[in-house]
PDB file of N, CA and C in Angstrom:
ATOM      1  N   MET A   1     -15.051  -9.870  26.001  1.00  0.00           N
ATOM      2  CA  MET A   1     -15.792  -9.569  24.847  1.00  0.00           C
ATOM      3  C   MET A   1     -15.564  -8.088  24.389  1.00  0.00           C
ATOM      4  N   LYS A   2     -15.369  -7.195  25.636  1.00  0.00           N
ATOM      5  CA  LYS A   2     -15.204  -5.726  25.281  1.00  0.00           C
ATOM      6  C   LYS A   2     -13.688  -5.591  24.736  1.00  0.00           C
ATOM      7  N   SER A   3     -12.714  -6.241  25.215  1.00  0.00           N
ATOM      8  CA  SER A   3     -11.475  -6.133  24.721  1.00  0.00           C
ATOM      9  C   SER A   3     -11.351  -6.755  23.333  1.00  0.00           C
ATOM     10  N   ILE A   4     -12.002  -7.803  23.084  1.00  0.00           N
ATOM     11  CA  ILE A   4     -12.084  -8.361  21.668  1.00  0.00           C
ATOM     12  C   ILE A   4     -12.594  -7.277  20.650  1.00  0.00           C
ATOM     13  N   SER A   5     -13.785  -6.701  21.117  1.00  0.00           N
ATOM     14  CA  SER A   5     -14.290  -5.810  20.147  1.00  0.00           C
ATOM     15  C   SER A   5     -13.402  -4.559  19.644  1.00  0.00           C
ATOM     16  N   ILE A   6     -12.547  -3.959  20.752  1.00  0.00           N
ATOM     17  CA  ILE A   6     -11.762  -2.999  20.846  1.00  0.00           C
ATOM     18  C   ILE A   6     -10.699  -3.371  19.965  1.00  0.00           C
ATOM     19  N   PHE A   7     -10.234  -4.620  20.099  1.00  0.00           N
ATOM     20  CA  PHE A   7      -9.014  -4.874  19.322  1.00  0.00           C
ATOM     21  C   PHE A   7      -9.377  -5.027  17.679  1.00  0.00           C
ATOM     22  N   ILE A   8     -10.593  -5.609  17.615  1.00  0.00           N
ATOM     23  CA  ILE A   8     -11.165  -5.811  15.941  1.00  0.00           C
ATOM     24  C   ILE A   8     -11.308  -4.386  15.411  1.00  0.00           C
ATOM     25  N   LEU A   9     -11.712  -3.312  16.340  1.00  0.00           N
ATOM     26  CA  LEU A   9     -11.887  -1.938  15.836  1.00  0.00           C
ATOM     27  C   LEU A   9     -10.512  -1.277  15.593  1.00  0.00           C
ATOM     28  N   LEU A  10      -9.472  -1.577  16.339  1.00  0.00           N
ATOM     29  CA  LEU A  10      -8.328  -0.962  16.118  1.00  0.00           C
ATOM     30  C   LEU A  10      -7.746  -1.581  14.880  1.00  0.00           C
ATOM     31  N   ILE A  11      -7.796  -2.923  14.341  1.00  0.00           N
ATOM     32  CA  ILE A  11      -7.445  -3.566  13.417  1.00  0.00           C
ATOM     33  C   ILE A  11      -8.178  -2.841  12.160  1.00  0.00           C
ATOM     34  N   TYR A  12      -9.351  -2.788  12.272  1.00  0.00           N
ATOM     35  CA  TYR A  12     -10.369  -2.121  11.167  1.00  0.00           C
ATOM     36  C   TYR A  12      -9.737  -0.570  10.801  1.00  0.00           C
ATOM     37  N   TRP A  13      -9.657   0.161  11.761  1.00  0.00           N
ATOM     38  CA  TRP A  13      -9.253   1.511  11.383  1.00  0.00           C
ATOM     39  C   TRP A  13      -7.823   1.722  11.114  1.00  0.00           C
ATOM     40  N   SER A  14      -7.063   0.623  11.358  1.00  0.00           N
ATOM     41  CA  SER A  14      -5.572   0.644  10.934  1.00  0.00           C
ATOM     42  C   SER A  14      -5.692   0.421   9.506  1.00  0.00           C
ATOM     43  N   ILE A  15      -6.535  -0.645   9.033  1.00  0.00           N
ATOM     44  CA  ILE A  15      -6.377  -1.056   7.604  1.00  0.00           C
ATOM     45  C   ILE A  15      -7.198   0.335   6.948  1.00  0.00           C
ATOM     46  N   ILE A  16      -8.271   0.905   7.336  1.00  0.00           N
ATOM     47  CA  ILE A  16      -8.689   2.183   6.652  1.00  0.00           C
ATOM     48  C   ILE A  16      -7.579   3.165   6.616  1.00  0.00           C
ATOM     49  N   ILE A  17      -6.940   3.418   7.530  1.00  0.00           N
ATOM     50  CA  ILE A  17      -5.965   4.599   7.522  1.00  0.00           C
ATOM     51  C   ILE A  17      -4.779   4.222   6.542  1.00  0.00           C
ATOM     52  N   LEU A  18      -4.306   2.781   6.618  1.00  0.00           N
ATOM     53  CA  LEU A  18      -3.270   2.476   5.909  1.00  0.00           C
ATOM     54  C   LEU A  18      -3.363   2.315   4.388  1.00  0.00           C
ATOM     55  N   ALA A  19      -4.651   1.942   4.137  1.00  0.00           N
ATOM     56  CA  ALA A  19      -4.919   1.512   2.646  1.00  0.00           C
ATOM     57  C   ALA A  19      -4.538   2.654   1.643  1.00  0.00           C
ATOM     58  N   PRO A  20      -4.953   3.976   1.801  1.00  0.00           N
ATOM     59  CA  PRO A  20      -4.306   4.835   0.890  1.00  0.00           C
ATOM     60  C   PRO A  20      -2.746   4.949   0.765  1.00  0.00           C
ATOM     61  N   VAL A  21      -2.098   4.729   1.902  1.00  0.00           N
ATOM     62  CA  VAL A  21      -0.794   4.954   1.784  1.00  0.00           C
ATOM     63  C   VAL A  21      -0.148   3.604   1.304  1.00  0.00           C
ATOM     64  N   LEU A  22      -0.729   2.608   1.197  1.00  0.00           N
ATOM     65  CA  LEU A  22      -0.291   1.332   0.458  1.00  0.00           C
ATOM     66  C   LEU A  22      -0.384   1.281  -0.942  1.00  0.00           C
ATOM     67  N   THR A  23      -1.642   1.920  -1.226  1.00  0.00           N
ATOM     68  CA  THR A  23      -1.860   2.030  -2.731  1.00  0.00           C
ATOM     69  C   THR A  23      -0.886   3.148  -3.460  1.00  0.00           C
ATOM     70  N   ASN A  24      -0.512   4.176  -2.607  1.00  0.00           N
ATOM     71  CA  ASN A  24       0.464   5.208  -3.275  1.00  0.00           C
ATOM     72  C   ASN A  24       1.635   4.402  -3.374  1.00  0.00           C
ATOM     73  N   GLU A  25       2.067   3.580  -2.404  1.00  0.00           N
ATOM     74  CA  GLU A  25       3.516   3.140  -2.640  1.00  0.00           C
ATOM     75  C   GLU A  25       3.482   2.049  -3.738  1.00  0.00           C
ATOM     76  N   SER A  26       2.382   1.544  -4.117  1.00  0.00           N
ATOM     77  CA  SER A  26       2.398   0.411  -5.238  1.00  0.00           C
ATOM     78  C   SER A  26       2.329   1.212  -6.417  1.00  0.00           C
ATOM     79  N   GLN A  27       1.685   2.299  -6.476  1.00  0.00           N
ATOM     80  CA  GLN A  27       1.660   3.170  -7.716  1.00  0.00           C
ATOM     81  C   GLN A  27       3.170   3.816  -7.982  1.00  0.00           C
ATOM     82  N   ILE A  28       4.024   4.100  -7.062  1.00  0.00           N
ATOM     83  CA  ILE A  28       5.085   4.524  -7.141  1.00  0.00           C
ATOM     84  C   ILE A  28       5.928   3.438  -7.535  1.00  0.00           C
ATOM     85  N   PHE A  29       5.890   2.359  -6.953  1.00  0.00           N
ATOM     86  CA  PHE A  29       6.789   1.018  -7.644  1.00  0.00           C
ATOM     87  C   PHE A  29       6.473   0.757  -8.928  1.00  0.00           C
ATOM     88  N   ASN A  30       5.021   0.885  -9.479  1.00  0.00           N
ATOM     89  CA  ASN A  30       4.869   0.604 -10.813  1.00  0.00           C
ATOM     90  C   ASN A  30       5.409   1.740 -11.827  1.00  0.00           C
ATOM     91  N   LYS A  31       5.450   2.912 -11.352  1.00  0.00           N
ATOM     92  CA  LYS A  31       6.086   3.965 -12.159  1.00  0.00           C
ATOM     93  C   LYS A  31       7.573   3.715 -12.330  1.00  0.00           C
ATOM     94  N   LYS A  32       8.271   3.224 -11.100  1.00  0.00           N
ATOM     95  CA  LYS A  32       9.677   3.017 -11.310  1.00  0.00           C
ATOM     96  C   LYS A  32       9.950   1.875 -12.128  1.00  0.00           C
ATOM     97  N   SER A  33       9.183   0.836 -12.058  1.00  0.00           N
ATOM     98  CA  SER A  33       9.576  -0.295 -13.011  1.00  0.00           C
ATOM     99  C   SER A  33       9.210   0.052 -14.288  1.00  0.00           C
ATOM    100  N   ALA A  34       8.390   0.985 -14.686  1.00  0.00           N
ATOM    101  CA  ALA A  34       7.977   1.264 -16.054  1.00  0.00           C
ATOM    102  C   ALA A  34       9.229   2.116 -16.624  1.00  0.00           C
ATOM    103  N   ILE A  35       9.748   2.989 -15.712  1.00  0.00           N
ATOM    104  CA  ILE A  35      10.920   3.708 -16.102  1.00  0.00           C
ATOM    105  C   ILE A  35      12.163   2.883 -16.240  1.00  0.00           C
ATOM    106  N   VAL A  36      12.331   1.854 -15.465  1.00  0.00           N
ATOM    107  CA  VAL A  36      13.414   0.810 -15.442  1.00  0.00           C
ATOM    108  C   VAL A  36      13.327   0.126 -16.956  1.00  0.00           C
ATOM    109  N   GLN A  37      12.075  -0.284 -17.234  1.00  0.00           N
ATOM    110  CA  GLN A  37      11.954  -1.152 -18.576  1.00  0.00           C
ATOM    111  C   GLN A  37      12.173  -0.180 -19.675  1.00  0.00           C
ATOM    112  N   LYS A  38      11.881   1.163 -19.574  1.00  0.00           N
ATOM    113  CA  LYS A  38      12.182   2.010 -20.865  1.00  0.00           C
ATOM    114  C   LYS A  38      13.597   2.130 -20.898  1.00  0.00           C
ATOM    115  N   ILE A  39      14.329   2.124 -19.789  1.00  0.00           N
ATOM    116  CA  ILE A  39      15.888   2.365 -19.892  1.00  0.00           C
ATOM    117  C   ILE A  39      16.313   1.122 -20.555  1.00  0.00           C
ATOM    118  N   ASN A  40      16.046   0.086 -20.038  1.00  0.00           N
ATOM    119  CA  ASN A  40      16.481  -1.334 -20.737  1.00  0.00           C
ATOM    120  C   ASN A  40      16.173  -1.412 -21.911  1.00  0.00           C
ATOM    121  N   SER A  41      15.000  -1.094 -22.343  1.00  0.00           N
ATOM    122  CA  SER A  41      14.501  -1.072 -23.829  1.00  0.00           C
ATOM    123  C   SER A  41      15.468  -0.231 -24.883  1.00  0.00           C
ATOM    124  N   ASN A  42      16.026   0.848 -24.313  1.00  0.00           N
ATOM    125  CA  ASN A  42      16.702   1.701 -25.220  1.00  0.00           C
ATOM    126  C   ASN A  42      18.328   1.312 -25.440  1.00  0.00           C
ATOM    127  N   LYS A  43      18.729   0.391 -24.587  1.00  0.00           N
ATOM    128  CA  LYS A  43      19.975  -0.211 -24.699  1.00  0.00           C
ATOM    129  C   LYS A  43      20.075  -1.316 -25.897  1.00  0.00           C
TER     130      LYS A  43
END
């Protein structure tokens, strides 16, 4: 029981730590795709 609760806490904290990193990566990807669309629309 103790090992299961530690495992669940590790997953919980890793999600909390990684969530801002993942949202920043998705915003960067959206900006890149917007730039590519502008370049393609100019052709």
